């Protein structure tokens, strides 16, 4: 992950991203070593050659809005040799398979939330009791019930989860947006269209499937926010050094079938498994954050 804050000029040279800033402070990074490029600021100039090469190398390009929160994502039109065939299967996927997949994701999300609370010595039994209650499609909305209790436990009774508030909510929003982008990148690489969700269906949301698939991984961002809260380090604004700390979420690890993988490697396996679930009806075992890793 590379974060570029403006004002800056970035271009492609010898297969590397070159950053130039007035007065110095630029740098160079091989594009093949990048998973994502975050552009933070309206005063960044870049070349189409760089964008095209990033797409060719499956680098997710993320733009930021005036509040310096990720607002846009550039992904390949086709990231898999069987993209067209997979798209047809994805469109034709049956409702029962989608509901079972959502059930698995919500169970995994509740498990991950309970694990994070337990890891930090906080009460977690109320979440564990919800896990076996999640039915196909989660018609009882155990996900929302668990989320309300979880946020109250980890961030305090006064915390209100919103998208526009500064401080703690901004930290969470930034972390979630990065995870969402990484998940979308993996889905495209597996031939899946990120707009065709299994639970989220907002017609104005181009990343419905990414929003579905990232649910078990949200506690990875929560963990960073909680650590900052404990250290009394929640800022009023997301300064570059704060963003660099939050971007560390992409350097985390996830567990798949009791094996630990770097997040970006594990997401490729997760996306491939989700493709088999959607297209073939195979059972899904979503990943969990590996809290044994720093």
Foldseek 3Di string as FASTA:
>chain_A
DEEDEDPWEWEDDPQWIWIDDVPDDIDIGRLLVAQEYEYFDPNYHYDVVVVVSNQVSLYWYFYADPQRATDDIDHDPAQEPCLVVLAVLLVVFDLQLLQLQLLLLLLLQLVQLLVLCVVVVWDNVVSVVCNVVQDRNRPVPSSVVSVVVSCCGLVHVPDDADCPAFWLNRLLSRLVVLQLNLLCSLLSNLSHQQQRDSNDPPPVDRRRNSVSQCSQVSVLSVNLSSVCVVVVNTDRGCDPVNSVSSNCSQQFWKDDPNDIDRPSVVSNVQSNQVSCSRRPVDRHNHIHTDPVPD
